[in-house]
């Protein structure tokens, strides 16, 4: 993987992770780096599912994006459920 590929994965991971956070209701108490990691993992998982259904994965594909965002939503939901909450230190 090239430097450009890594940079692209981080950018798309941030976008997909942010979409996942927008869809999950309520406040998510997790850092931005974790959002990006969830987005990157969701992007790979969504592309894998698209391959399983023999969908075109070169370029932009509607269903591949839906799968990626769905995985991001599940990831954000799970991390929100198990990530430690901030204490209300005043």
C-alpha atoms as a PDB file:
ATOM      1  CA  UNK A   1       0.000   0.000   0.000  1.00  0.00           C
ATOM      2  CA  UNK A   2       1.329   3.411  -0.925  1.00  0.00           C
ATOM      3  CA  UNK A   3       1.387   6.586   1.159  1.00  0.00           C
ATOM      4  CA  UNK A   4      -1.485   7.892  -0.976  1.00  0.00           C
ATOM      5  CA  UNK A   5      -3.495   4.739  -0.279  1.00  0.00           C
ATOM      6  CA  UNK A   6      -2.983   5.086   3.456  1.00  0.00           C
ATOM      7  CA  UNK A   7      -3.966   8.762   3.339  1.00  0.00           C
ATOM      8  CA  UNK A   8      -7.082   7.909   1.295  1.00  0.00           C
ATOM      9  CA  UNK A   9      -8.052   5.137   3.752  1.00  0.00           C
ATOM     10  CA  UNK A  10      -7.804   7.604   6.647  1.00  0.00           C
ATOM     11  CA  UNK A  11      -9.915  10.225   4.849  1.00  0.00           C
ATOM     12  CA  UNK A  12     -12.615   7.752   3.787  1.00  0.00           C
ATOM     13  CA  UNK A  13     -12.501   6.131   7.224  1.00  0.00           C
ATOM     14  CA  UNK A  14     -13.127   9.502   8.846  1.00  0.00           C
ATOM     15  CA  UNK A  15     -16.064  10.183   6.525  1.00  0.00           C
ATOM     16  CA  UNK A  16     -17.657   6.761   6.975  1.00  0.00           C
ATOM     17  CA  UNK A  17     -17.069   6.840  10.738  1.00  0.00           C
ATOM     18  CA  UNK A  18     -18.611  10.312  10.955  1.00  0.00           C
ATOM     19  CA  UNK A  19     -21.660   9.106   9.021  1.00  0.00           C
ATOM     20  CA  UNK A  20     -21.963   6.221  11.474  1.00  0.00           C
ATOM     21  CA  UNK A  21     -21.844   8.648  14.404  1.00  0.00           C
ATOM     22  CA  UNK A  22     -24.490  10.859  12.800  1.00  0.00           C
ATOM     23  CA  UNK A  23     -26.891   7.945  12.424  1.00  0.00           C
ATOM     24  CA  UNK A  24     -26.489   6.524  15.948  1.00  0.00           C
ATOM     25  CA  UNK A  25     -28.816   8.482  18.242  1.00  0.00           C
ATOM     26  CA  UNK A  26     -27.553  10.245  21.331  1.00  0.00           C
ATOM     27  CA  UNK A  27     -24.141  11.528  22.336  1.00  0.00           C
ATOM     28  CA  UNK A  28     -21.208   9.255  21.652  1.00  0.00           C
ATOM     29  CA  UNK A  29     -18.421   9.681  24.166  1.00  0.00           C
ATOM     30  CA  UNK A  30     -15.473   8.473  22.078  1.00  0.00           C
ATOM     31  CA  UNK A  31     -12.397  10.137  20.590  1.00  0.00           C
ATOM     32  CA  UNK A  32     -12.087  11.113  16.941  1.00  0.00           C
ATOM     33  CA  UNK A  33      -9.249   8.643  16.350  1.00  0.00           C
ATOM     34  CA  UNK A  34     -11.607   5.820  17.330  1.00  0.00           C
ATOM     35  CA  UNK A  35     -14.208   7.141  14.888  1.00  0.00           C
ATOM     36  CA  UNK A  36     -11.610   6.996  12.117  1.00  0.00           C
ATOM     37  CA  UNK A  37     -10.561   3.457  13.073  1.00  0.00           C
ATOM     38  CA  UNK A  38     -14.197   2.309  13.083  1.00  0.00           C
ATOM     39  CA  UNK A  39     -14.682   3.940   9.691  1.00  0.00           C
ATOM     40  CA  UNK A  40     -11.612   2.252   8.191  1.00  0.00           C
ATOM     41  CA  UNK A  41     -12.655  -1.174   9.514  1.00  0.00           C
ATOM     42  CA  UNK A  42     -16.221  -0.573   8.300  1.00  0.00           C
ATOM     43  CA  UNK A  43     -14.947   0.415   4.853  1.00  0.00           C
ATOM     44  CA  UNK A  44     -13.000  -2.832   4.508  1.00  0.00           C
ATOM     45  CA  UNK A  45     -15.906  -4.900   5.872  1.00  0.00           C
ATOM     46  CA  UNK A  46     -18.427  -3.222   3.558  1.00  0.00           C
ATOM     47  CA  UNK A  47     -16.191  -3.802   0.557  1.00  0.00           C
ATOM     48  CA  UNK A  48     -15.834  -7.448   1.585  1.00  0.00           C
ATOM     49  CA  UNK A  49     -19.598  -7.888   1.736  1.00  0.00           C
ATOM     50  CA  UNK A  50     -19.935  -6.192  -1.655  1.00  0.00           C
ATOM     51  CA  UNK A  51     -17.442  -8.727  -3.041  1.00  0.00           C
ATOM     52  CA  UNK A  52     -19.534 -11.549  -1.569  1.00  0.00           C
ATOM     53  CA  UNK A  53     -22.546 -10.278  -3.518  1.00  0.00           C
ATOM     54  CA  UNK A  54     -20.434  -9.875  -6.685  1.00  0.00           C
ATOM     55  CA  UNK A  55     -21.014  -6.129  -6.806  1.00  0.00           C
ATOM     56  CA  UNK A  56     -18.677  -3.810  -8.677  1.00  0.00           C
ATOM     57  CA  UNK A  57     -16.200  -2.396  -6.177  1.00  0.00           C
ATOM     58  CA  UNK A  58     -14.037  -0.273  -8.454  1.00  0.00           C
ATOM     59  CA  UNK A  59     -15.109   3.349  -8.376  1.00  0.00           C
ATOM     60  CA  UNK A  60     -18.190   4.379  -6.433  1.00  0.00           C
ATOM     61  CA  UNK A  61     -20.979   1.869  -5.754  1.00  0.00           C
ATOM     62  CA  UNK A  62     -24.210   2.716  -3.931  1.00  0.00           C
ATOM     63  CA  UNK A  63     -24.629  -0.664  -2.209  1.00  0.00           C
ATOM     64  CA  UNK A  64     -20.996  -0.879  -1.172  1.00  0.00           C
ATOM     65  CA  UNK A  65     -21.341   2.517   0.509  1.00  0.00           C
ATOM     66  CA  UNK A  66     -24.549   1.419   2.250  1.00  0.00           C
ATOM     67  CA  UNK A  67     -22.781  -1.683   3.594  1.00  0.00           C
ATOM     68  CA  UNK A  68     -19.838   0.422   4.787  1.00  0.00           C
ATOM     69  CA  UNK A  69     -22.038   2.930   6.604  1.00  0.00           C
ATOM     70  CA  UNK A  70     -24.105   0.100   8.129  1.00  0.00           C
ATOM     71  CA  UNK A  71     -20.942  -1.488   9.529  1.00  0.00           C
ATOM     72  CA  UNK A  72     -19.886   1.929  10.852  1.00  0.00           C
ATOM     73  CA  UNK A  73     -23.241   2.346  12.607  1.00  0.00           C
ATOM     74  CA  UNK A  74     -22.881  -1.060  14.260  1.00  0.00           C
ATOM     75  CA  UNK A  75     -19.280  -0.276  15.219  1.00  0.00           C
ATOM     76  CA  UNK A  76     -20.155   3.104  16.719  1.00  0.00           C
ATOM     77  CA  UNK A  77     -23.092   1.586  18.597  1.00  0.00           C
ATOM     78  CA  UNK A  78     -20.933  -1.205  20.061  1.00  0.00           C
ATOM     79  CA  UNK A  79     -18.078   1.116  21.021  1.00  0.00           C
ATOM     80  CA  UNK A  80     -20.523   3.588  22.576  1.00  0.00           C
ATOM     81  CA  UNK A  81     -22.023   0.785  24.653  1.00  0.00           C
ATOM     82  CA  UNK A  82     -18.655  -0.418  25.979  1.00  0.00           C
ATOM     83  CA  UNK A  83     -16.419   2.707  25.939  1.00  0.00           C
ATOM     84  CA  UNK A  84     -15.942   4.173  29.443  1.00  0.00           C
ATOM     85  CA  UNK A  85     -18.012   7.252  30.137  1.00  0.00           C
ATOM     86  CA  UNK A  86     -16.360  10.496  31.210  1.00  0.00           C
ATOM     87  CA  UNK A  87     -16.859  11.335  34.828  1.00  0.00           C
ATOM     88  CA  UNK A  88     -18.577  14.642  35.500  1.00  0.00           C
ATOM     89  CA  UNK A  89     -15.529  16.332  37.059  1.00  0.00           C
ATOM     90  CA  UNK A  90     -16.486  19.963  37.608  1.00  0.00           C
END
